[in-house]
Amino acid sequence: MLDMLSTGNKYVGLNQTTRAVESDKAKVVYIANDAEERITTKLRTLCNNKSIQVVNIDTMLELGKACGVGIATAVACLVKENSEQ
């Protein structure tokens, strides 16, 4: 499922991902296990409340590479297609 981040419609980063979850645009949220808990706790709770699947990724570097960005990232999400919303 991580390979979908390289080709799918996505948001990268805490702010964009949180907005996508809040507005029901996120399909799957990816969270790096080595991200600081104080950063990810609210997002995990929000995903749980909205029944959005959370996929744990080993490292922020691995998640950043999967997203095609040149830096490590704590969170990312796949965005629903227009027909899925």
PDB file of N, CA and C in Angstrom:
ATOM      1  N   MET A   1       0.820  -1.188   0.000  1.00  0.00           N
ATOM      2  CA  MET A   1       0.000   0.000   0.000  1.00  0.00           C
ATOM      3  C   MET A   1       0.870   1.259   0.000  1.00  0.00           C
ATOM      4  N   LEU A   2       2.088   1.166   0.451  1.00  0.00           N
ATOM      5  CA  LEU A   2       2.998   2.310   0.472  1.00  0.00           C
ATOM      6  C   LEU A   2       3.327   2.777  -0.942  1.00  0.00           C
ATOM      7  N   ASP A   3       3.324   1.861  -1.904  1.00  0.00           N
ATOM      8  CA  ASP A   3       3.631   2.235  -3.284  1.00  0.00           C
ATOM      9  C   ASP A   3       2.575   3.164  -3.890  1.00  0.00           C
ATOM     10  N   MET A   4       1.377   3.173  -3.319  1.00  0.00           N
ATOM     11  CA  MET A   4       0.330   4.073  -3.798  1.00  0.00           C
ATOM     12  C   MET A   4       0.707   5.543  -3.586  1.00  0.00           C
ATOM     13  N   LEU A   5       1.562   5.808  -2.611  1.00  0.00           N
ATOM     14  CA  LEU A   5       1.961   7.189  -2.344  1.00  0.00           C
ATOM     15  C   LEU A   5       2.789   7.779  -3.479  1.00  0.00           C
ATOM     16  N   SER A   6       3.499   6.939  -4.208  1.00  0.00           N
ATOM     17  CA  SER A   6       4.334   7.468  -5.283  1.00  0.00           C
ATOM     18  C   SER A   6       3.516   7.831  -6.515  1.00  0.00           C
ATOM     19  N   THR A   7       2.352   7.201  -6.675  1.00  0.00           N
ATOM     20  CA  THR A   7       1.561   7.446  -7.877  1.00  0.00           C
ATOM     21  C   THR A   7       0.201   8.070  -7.599  1.00  0.00           C
ATOM     22  N   GLY A   8      -0.308   7.908  -6.382  1.00  0.00           N
ATOM     23  CA  GLY A   8      -1.653   8.387  -6.067  1.00  0.00           C
ATOM     24  C   GLY A   8      -1.708   9.862  -5.727  1.00  0.00           C
ATOM     25  N   ASN A   9      -2.921  10.373  -5.636  1.00  0.00           N
ATOM     26  CA  ASN A   9      -3.175  11.746  -5.227  1.00  0.00           C
ATOM     27  C   ASN A   9      -2.963  11.820  -3.715  1.00  0.00           C
ATOM     28  N   LYS A  10      -2.078  12.680  -3.249  1.00  0.00           N
ATOM     29  CA  LYS A  10      -1.694  12.662  -1.834  1.00  0.00           C
ATOM     30  C   LYS A  10      -1.447  14.055  -1.293  1.00  0.00           C
ATOM     31  N   TYR A  11      -1.433  14.118   0.035  1.00  0.00           N
ATOM     32  CA  TYR A  11      -0.964  15.294   0.764  1.00  0.00           C
ATOM     33  C   TYR A  11       0.159  14.814   1.664  1.00  0.00           C
ATOM     34  N   VAL A  12       1.166  15.653   1.819  1.00  0.00           N
ATOM     35  CA  VAL A  12       2.321  15.322   2.644  1.00  0.00           C
ATOM     36  C   VAL A  12       2.465  16.382   3.723  1.00  0.00           C
ATOM     37  N   GLY A  13       2.652  15.939   4.960  1.00  0.00           N
ATOM     38  CA  GLY A  13       2.847  16.864   6.064  1.00  0.00           C
ATOM     39  C   GLY A  13       1.642  16.903   6.992  1.00  0.00           C
ATOM     40  N   LEU A  14       1.901  17.320   8.202  1.00  0.00           N
ATOM     41  CA  LEU A  14       0.877  17.297   9.244  1.00  0.00           C
ATOM     42  C   LEU A  14      -0.299  18.222   8.945  1.00  0.00           C
ATOM     43  N   ASN A  15      -0.026  19.455   8.568  1.00  0.00           N
ATOM     44  CA  ASN A  15      -1.114  20.416   8.358  1.00  0.00           C
ATOM     45  C   ASN A  15      -2.037  20.008   7.220  1.00  0.00           C
ATOM     46  N   GLN A  16      -1.454  19.654   6.071  1.00  0.00           N
ATOM     47  CA  GLN A  16      -2.278  19.257   4.923  1.00  0.00           C
ATOM     48  C   GLN A  16      -3.046  17.974   5.216  1.00  0.00           C
ATOM     49  N   THR A  17      -2.389  17.020   5.858  1.00  0.00           N
ATOM     50  CA  THR A  17      -3.044  15.747   6.165  1.00  0.00           C
ATOM     51  C   THR A  17      -4.182  15.949   7.151  1.00  0.00           C
ATOM     52  N   THR A  18      -3.959  16.746   8.178  1.00  0.00           N
ATOM     53  CA  THR A  18      -5.011  17.012   9.160  1.00  0.00           C
ATOM     54  C   THR A  18      -6.209  17.677   8.504  1.00  0.00           C
ATOM     55  N   ARG A  19      -5.974  18.657   7.633  1.00  0.00           N
ATOM     56  CA  ARG A  19      -7.077  19.316   6.926  1.00  0.00           C
ATOM     57  C   ARG A  19      -7.839  18.326   6.049  1.00  0.00           C
ATOM     58  N   ALA A  20      -7.117  17.415   5.401  1.00  0.00           N
ATOM     59  CA  ALA A  20      -7.772  16.414   4.554  1.00  0.00           C
ATOM     60  C   ALA A  20      -8.649  15.484   5.378  1.00  0.00           C
ATOM     61  N   VAL A  21      -8.178  15.091   6.551  1.00  0.00           N
ATOM     62  CA  VAL A  21      -8.964  14.225   7.425  1.00  0.00           C
ATOM     63  C   VAL A  21     -10.196  14.970   7.928  1.00  0.00           C
ATOM     64  N   GLU A  22     -10.012  16.195   8.373  1.00  0.00           N
ATOM     65  CA  GLU A  22     -11.124  16.982   8.906  1.00  0.00           C
ATOM     66  C   GLU A  22     -12.211  17.234   7.860  1.00  0.00           C
ATOM     67  N   SER A  23     -11.809  17.367   6.603  1.00  0.00           N
ATOM     68  CA  SER A  23     -12.774  17.654   5.536  1.00  0.00           C
ATOM     69  C   SER A  23     -13.213  16.384   4.795  1.00  0.00           C
ATOM     70  N   ASP A  24     -12.905  15.226   5.367  1.00  0.00           N
ATOM     71  CA  ASP A  24     -13.316  13.928   4.807  1.00  0.00           C
ATOM     72  C   ASP A  24     -12.771  13.674   3.406  1.00  0.00           C
ATOM     73  N   LYS A  25     -11.596  14.207   3.112  1.00  0.00           N
ATOM     74  CA  LYS A  25     -10.956  13.963   1.819  1.00  0.00           C
ATOM     75  C   LYS A  25      -9.915  12.849   1.889  1.00  0.00           C
ATOM     76  N   ALA A  26      -9.471  12.500   3.089  1.00  0.00           N
ATOM     77  CA  ALA A  26      -8.425  11.485   3.242  1.00  0.00           C
ATOM     78  C   ALA A  26      -9.018  10.091   3.166  1.00  0.00           C
ATOM     79  N   LYS A  27      -8.332   9.227   2.423  1.00  0.00           N
ATOM     80  CA  LYS A  27      -8.755   7.831   2.297  1.00  0.00           C
ATOM     81  C   LYS A  27      -7.940   6.952   3.241  1.00  0.00           C
ATOM     82  N   VAL A  28      -6.629   7.144   3.257  1.00  0.00           N
ATOM     83  CA  VAL A  28      -5.709   6.394   4.112  1.00  0.00           C
ATOM     84  C   VAL A  28      -4.665   7.369   4.629  1.00  0.00           C
ATOM     85  N   VAL A  29      -4.335   7.275   5.917  1.00  0.00           N
ATOM     86  CA  VAL A  29      -3.313   8.132   6.519  1.00  0.00           C
ATOM     87  C   VAL A  29      -2.112   7.275   6.882  1.00  0.00           C
ATOM     88  N   TYR A  30      -0.932   7.770   6.548  1.00  0.00           N
ATOM     89  CA  TYR A  30       0.320   7.093   6.855  1.00  0.00           C
ATOM     90  C   TYR A  30       1.046   7.883   7.939  1.00  0.00           C
ATOM     91  N   ILE A  31       1.483   7.201   8.989  1.00  0.00           N
ATOM     92  CA  ILE A  31       2.191   7.855  10.086  1.00  0.00           C
ATOM     93  C   ILE A  31       3.485   7.096  10.356  1.00  0.00           C
ATOM     94  N   ALA A  32       4.582   7.829  10.416  1.00  0.00           N
ATOM     95  CA  ALA A  32       5.879   7.215  10.693  1.00  0.00           C
ATOM     96  C   ALA A  32       6.001   6.887  12.176  1.00  0.00           C
ATOM     97  N   ASN A  33       6.492   5.692  12.472  1.00  0.00           N
ATOM     98  CA  ASN A  33       6.636   5.249  13.859  1.00  0.00           C
ATOM     99  C   ASN A  33       7.641   6.079  14.648  1.00  0.00           C
ATOM    100  N   ASP A  34       8.619   6.670  13.963  1.00  0.00           N
ATOM    101  CA  ASP A  34       9.629   7.451  14.680  1.00  0.00           C
ATOM    102  C   ASP A  34       9.277   8.938  14.764  1.00  0.00           C
ATOM    103  N   ALA A  35       8.071   9.299  14.334  1.00  0.00           N
ATOM    104  CA  ALA A  35       7.618  10.687  14.488  1.00  0.00           C
ATOM    105  C   ALA A  35       7.278  10.930  15.955  1.00  0.00           C
ATOM    106  N   GLU A  36       7.432  12.164  16.392  1.00  0.00           N
ATOM    107  CA  GLU A  36       7.152  12.493  17.783  1.00  0.00           C
ATOM    108  C   GLU A  36       5.672  12.285  18.091  1.00  0.00           C
ATOM    109  N   GLU A  37       5.415  11.619  19.203  1.00  0.00           N
ATOM    110  CA  GLU A  37       4.052  11.297  19.594  1.00  0.00           C
ATOM    111  C   GLU A  37       3.200  12.548  19.778  1.00  0.00           C
ATOM    112  N   ARG A  38       3.798  13.619  20.277  1.00  0.00           N
ATOM    113  CA  ARG A  38       3.037  14.853  20.491  1.00  0.00           C
ATOM    114  C   ARG A  38       2.524  15.420  19.165  1.00  0.00           C
ATOM    115  N   ILE A  39       3.153  15.050  18.074  1.00  0.00           N
ATOM    116  CA  ILE A  39       2.726  15.504  16.753  1.00  0.00           C
ATOM    117  C   ILE A  39       1.618  14.617  16.194  1.00  0.00           C
ATOM    118  N   THR A  40       1.699  13.336  16.453  1.00  0.00           N
ATOM    119  CA  THR A  40       0.797  12.388  15.796  1.00  0.00           C
ATOM    120  C   THR A  40      -0.440  11.994  16.607  1.00  0.00           C
ATOM    121  N   THR A  41      -0.451  12.250  17.900  1.00  0.00           N
ATOM    122  CA  THR A  41      -1.558  11.801  18.751  1.00  0.00           C
ATOM    123  C   THR A  41      -2.901  12.367  18.304  1.00  0.00           C
ATOM    124  N   LYS A  42      -2.966  13.663  18.070  1.00  0.00           N
ATOM    125  CA  LYS A  42      -4.230  14.288  17.665  1.00  0.00           C
ATOM    126  C   LYS A  42      -4.708  13.722  16.329  1.00  0.00           C
ATOM    127  N   LEU A  43      -3.776  13.527  15.398  1.00  0.00           N
ATOM    128  CA  LEU A  43      -4.144  12.998  14.085  1.00  0.00           C
ATOM    129  C   LEU A  43      -4.658  11.561  14.197  1.00  0.00           C
ATOM    130  N   ARG A  44      -4.009  10.741  15.008  1.00  0.00           N
ATOM    131  CA  ARG A  44      -4.479   9.358  15.207  1.00  0.00           C
ATOM    132  C   ARG A  44      -5.897   9.346  15.782  1.00  0.00           C
ATOM    133  N   THR A  45      -6.157  10.200  16.748  1.00  0.00           N
ATOM    134  CA  THR A  45      -7.483  10.286  17.357  1.00  0.00           C
ATOM    135  C   THR A  45      -8.525  10.732  16.337  1.00  0.00           C
ATOM    136  N   LEU A  46      -8.172  11.729  15.558  1.00  0.00           N
ATOM    137  CA  LEU A  46      -9.068  12.233  14.527  1.00  0.00           C
ATOM    138  C   LEU A  46      -9.392  11.145  13.506  1.00  0.00           C
ATOM    139  N   CYS A  47      -8.387  10.396  13.083  1.00  0.00           N
ATOM    140  CA  CYS A  47      -8.598   9.289  12.134  1.00  0.00           C
ATOM    141  C   CYS A  47      -9.495   8.222  12.743  1.00  0.00           C
ATOM    142  N   ASN A  48      -9.261   7.911  13.993  1.00  0.00           N
ATOM    143  CA  ASN A  48     -10.076   6.917  14.683  1.00  0.00           C
ATOM    144  C   ASN A  48     -11.537   7.359  14.750  1.00  0.00           C
ATOM    145  N   ASN A  49     -11.766   8.615  15.086  1.00  0.00           N
ATOM    146  CA  ASN A  49     -13.122   9.151  15.186  1.00  0.00           C
ATOM    147  C   ASN A  49     -13.848   9.156  13.842  1.00  0.00           C
ATOM    148  N   LYS A  50     -13.092   9.303  12.749  1.00  0.00           N
ATOM    149  CA  LYS A  50     -13.683   9.360  11.415  1.00  0.00           C
ATOM    150  C   LYS A  50     -13.574   8.030  10.676  1.00  0.00           C
ATOM    151  N   SER A  51     -13.092   7.001  11.375  1.00  0.00           N
ATOM    152  CA  SER A  51     -12.941   5.654  10.788  1.00  0.00           C
ATOM    153  C   SER A  51     -12.078   5.656   9.529  1.00  0.00           C
ATOM    154  N   ILE A  52     -10.981   6.388   9.584  1.00  0.00           N
ATOM    155  CA  ILE A  52     -10.023   6.422   8.483  1.00  0.00           C
ATOM    156  C   ILE A  52      -8.867   5.497   8.830  1.00  0.00           C
ATOM    157  N   GLN A  53      -8.508   4.650   7.883  1.00  0.00           N
ATOM    158  CA  GLN A  53      -7.435   3.691   8.093  1.00  0.00           C
ATOM    159  C   GLN A  53      -6.103   4.410   8.302  1.00  0.00           C
ATOM    160  N   VAL A  54      -5.348   3.959   9.319  1.00  0.00           N
ATOM    161  CA  VAL A  54      -4.007   4.475   9.586  1.00  0.00           C
ATOM    162  C   VAL A  54      -3.015   3.358   9.324  1.00  0.00           C
ATOM    163  N   VAL A  55      -2.000   3.655   8.514  1.00  0.00           N
ATOM    164  CA  VAL A  55      -0.943   2.702   8.216  1.00  0.00           C
ATOM    165  C   VAL A  55       0.333   3.210   8.874  1.00  0.00           C
ATOM    166  N   ASN A  56       0.945   2.377   9.695  1.00  0.00           N
ATOM    167  CA  ASN A  56       2.194   2.747  10.359  1.00  0.00           C
ATOM    168  C   ASN A  56       3.377   2.385   9.468  1.00  0.00           C
ATOM    169  N   ILE A  57       4.281   3.343   9.311  1.00  0.00           N
ATOM    170  CA  ILE A  57       5.489   3.172   8.512  1.00  0.00           C
ATOM    171  C   ILE A  57       6.675   3.251   9.461  1.00  0.00           C
ATOM    172  N   ASP A  58       7.706   2.448   9.233  1.00  0.00           N
ATOM    173  CA  ASP A  58       8.825   2.366  10.163  1.00  0.00           C
ATOM    174  C   ASP A  58       9.498   3.702  10.448  1.00  0.00           C
ATOM    175  N   THR A  59       9.861   4.440   9.391  1.00  0.00           N
ATOM    176  CA  THR A  59      10.626   5.668   9.623  1.00  0.00           C
ATOM    177  C   THR A  59      10.086   6.840   8.797  1.00  0.00           C
ATOM    178  N   MET A  60      10.390   8.029   9.264  1.00  0.00           N
ATOM    179  CA  MET A  60      10.005   9.234   8.541  1.00  0.00           C
ATOM    180  C   MET A  60      10.743   9.303   7.198  1.00  0.00           C
ATOM    181  N   LEU A  61      11.973   8.839   7.167  1.00  0.00           N
ATOM    182  CA  LEU A  61      12.742   8.843   5.919  1.00  0.00           C
ATOM    183  C   LEU A  61      12.085   7.925   4.886  1.00  0.00           C
ATOM    184  N   GLU A  62      11.662   6.744   5.318  1.00  0.00           N
ATOM    185  CA  GLU A  62      10.985   5.806   4.419  1.00  0.00           C
ATOM    186  C   GLU A  62       9.685   6.413   3.879  1.00  0.00           C
ATOM    187  N   LEU A  63       8.937   7.082   4.732  1.00  0.00           N
ATOM    188  CA  LEU A  63       7.687   7.705   4.313  1.00  0.00           C
ATOM    189  C   LEU A  63       7.957   8.844   3.331  1.00  0.00           C
ATOM    190  N   GLY A  64       8.955   9.659   3.619  1.00  0.00           N
ATOM    191  CA  GLY A  64       9.314  10.745   2.711  1.00  0.00           C
ATOM    192  C   GLY A  64       9.725  10.245   1.342  1.00  0.00           C
ATOM    193  N   LYS A  65      10.507   9.182   1.303  1.00  0.00           N
ATOM    194  CA  LYS A  65      10.929   8.597   0.021  1.00  0.00           C
ATOM    195  C   LYS A  65       9.726   8.047  -0.741  1.00  0.00           C
ATOM    196  N   ALA A  66       8.820   7.389  -0.043  1.00  0.00           N
ATOM    197  CA  ALA A  66       7.629   6.828  -0.691  1.00  0.00           C
ATOM    198  C   ALA A  66       6.759   7.929  -1.295  1.00  0.00           C
ATOM    199  N   CYS A  67       6.765   9.101  -0.663  1.00  0.00           N
ATOM    200  CA  CYS A  67       5.977  10.233  -1.151  1.00  0.00           C
ATOM    201  C   CYS A  67       6.670  10.971  -2.291  1.00  0.00           C
ATOM    202  N   GLY A  68       7.947  10.673  -2.508  1.00  0.00           N
ATOM    203  CA  GLY A  68       8.686  11.337  -3.566  1.00  0.00           C
ATOM    204  C   GLY A  68       9.211  12.700  -3.186  1.00  0.00           C
ATOM    205  N   VAL A  69       9.283  12.974  -1.879  1.00  0.00           N
ATOM    206  CA  VAL A  69       9.867  14.240  -1.421  1.00  0.00           C
ATOM    207  C   VAL A  69      11.290  13.968  -0.957  1.00  0.00           C
ATOM    208  N   GLY A  70      12.115  14.956  -0.986  1.00  0.00           N
ATOM    209  CA  GLY A  70      13.518  14.772  -0.662  1.00  0.00           C
ATOM    210  C   GLY A  70      13.845  14.816   0.814  1.00  0.00           C
ATOM    211  N   ILE A  71      12.821  14.870   1.666  1.00  0.00           N
ATOM    212  CA  ILE A  71      13.056  14.963   3.104  1.00  0.00           C
ATOM    213  C   ILE A  71      12.176  13.965   3.852  1.00  0.00           C
ATOM    214  N   ALA A  72      12.530  13.715   5.089  1.00  0.00           N
ATOM    215  CA  ALA A  72      11.722  12.844   5.946  1.00  0.00           C
ATOM    216  C   ALA A  72      10.406  13.543   6.260  1.00  0.00           C
ATOM    217  N   THR A  73       9.357  12.768   6.405  1.00  0.00           N
ATOM    218  CA  THR A  73       8.054  13.339   6.756  1.00  0.00           C
ATOM    219  C   THR A  73       7.360  12.452   7.784  1.00  0.00           C
ATOM    220  N   ALA A  74       6.661  13.078   8.701  1.00  0.00           N
ATOM    221  CA  ALA A  74       6.007  12.345   9.783  1.00  0.00           C
ATOM    222  C   ALA A  74       4.697  11.720   9.342  1.00  0.00           C
ATOM    223  N   VAL A  75       3.937  12.424   8.495  1.00  0.00           N
ATOM    224  CA  VAL A  75       2.616  11.938   8.083  1.00  0.00           C
ATOM    225  C   VAL A  75       2.342  12.287   6.629  1.00  0.00           C
ATOM    226  N   ALA A  76       1.460  11.510   6.041  1.00  0.00           N
ATOM    227  CA  ALA A  76       0.977  11.760   4.681  1.00  0.00           C
ATOM    228  C   ALA A  76      -0.363  11.054   4.547  1.00  0.00           C
ATOM    229  N   CYS A  77      -1.078  11.377   3.488  1.00  0.00           N
ATOM    230  CA  CYS A  77      -2.344  10.679   3.259  1.00  0.00           C
ATOM    231  C   CYS A  77      -2.629  10.563   1.772  1.00  0.00           C
ATOM    232  N   LEU A  78      -3.376   9.526   1.434  1.00  0.00           N
ATOM    233  CA  LEU A  78      -3.939   9.402   0.099  1.00  0.00           C
ATOM    234  C   LEU A  78      -5.279  10.112   0.115  1.00  0.00           C
ATOM    235  N   VAL A  79      -5.564  10.821  -0.949  1.00  0.00           N
ATOM    236  CA  VAL A  79      -6.793  11.603  -1.037  1.00  0.00           C
ATOM    237  C   VAL A  79      -7.803  10.839  -1.885  1.00  0.00           C
ATOM    238  N   LYS A  80      -9.054  10.903  -1.450  1.00  0.00           N
ATOM    239  CA  LYS A  80     -10.134  10.253  -2.190  1.00  0.00           C
ATOM    240  C   LYS A  80     -10.278  10.878  -3.577  1.00  0.00           C
ATOM    241  N   GLU A  81     -10.671  10.047  -4.521  1.00  0.00           N
ATOM    242  CA  GLU A  81     -11.022  10.553  -5.853  1.00  0.00           C
ATOM    243  C   GLU A  81     -12.361  11.274  -5.713  1.00  0.00           C
ATOM    244  N   ASN A  82     -12.681  12.140  -6.633  1.00  0.00           N
ATOM    245  CA  ASN A  82     -13.939  12.900  -6.562  1.00  0.00           C
ATOM    246  C   ASN A  82     -15.157  11.996  -6.433  1.00  0.00           C
ATOM    247  N   SER A  83     -15.137  10.852  -7.097  1.00  0.00           N
ATOM    248  CA  SER A  83     -16.284   9.949  -7.070  1.00  0.00           C
ATOM    249  C   SER A  83     -16.429   9.241  -5.726  1.00  0.00           C
ATOM    250  N   GLU A  84     -15.372   9.213  -4.921  1.00  0.00           N
ATOM    251  CA  GLU A  84     -15.393   8.542  -3.624  1.00  0.00           C
ATOM    252  C   GLU A  84     -15.917   9.445  -2.512  1.00  0.00           C
ATOM    253  N   GLN A  85     -15.968  10.731  -2.723  1.00  0.00           N
ATOM    254  CA  GLN A  85     -16.324  11.658  -1.651  1.00  0.00           C
ATOM    255  C   GLN A  85     -17.772  11.687  -1.338  1.00  0.00           C
TER     256      GLN A  85
END
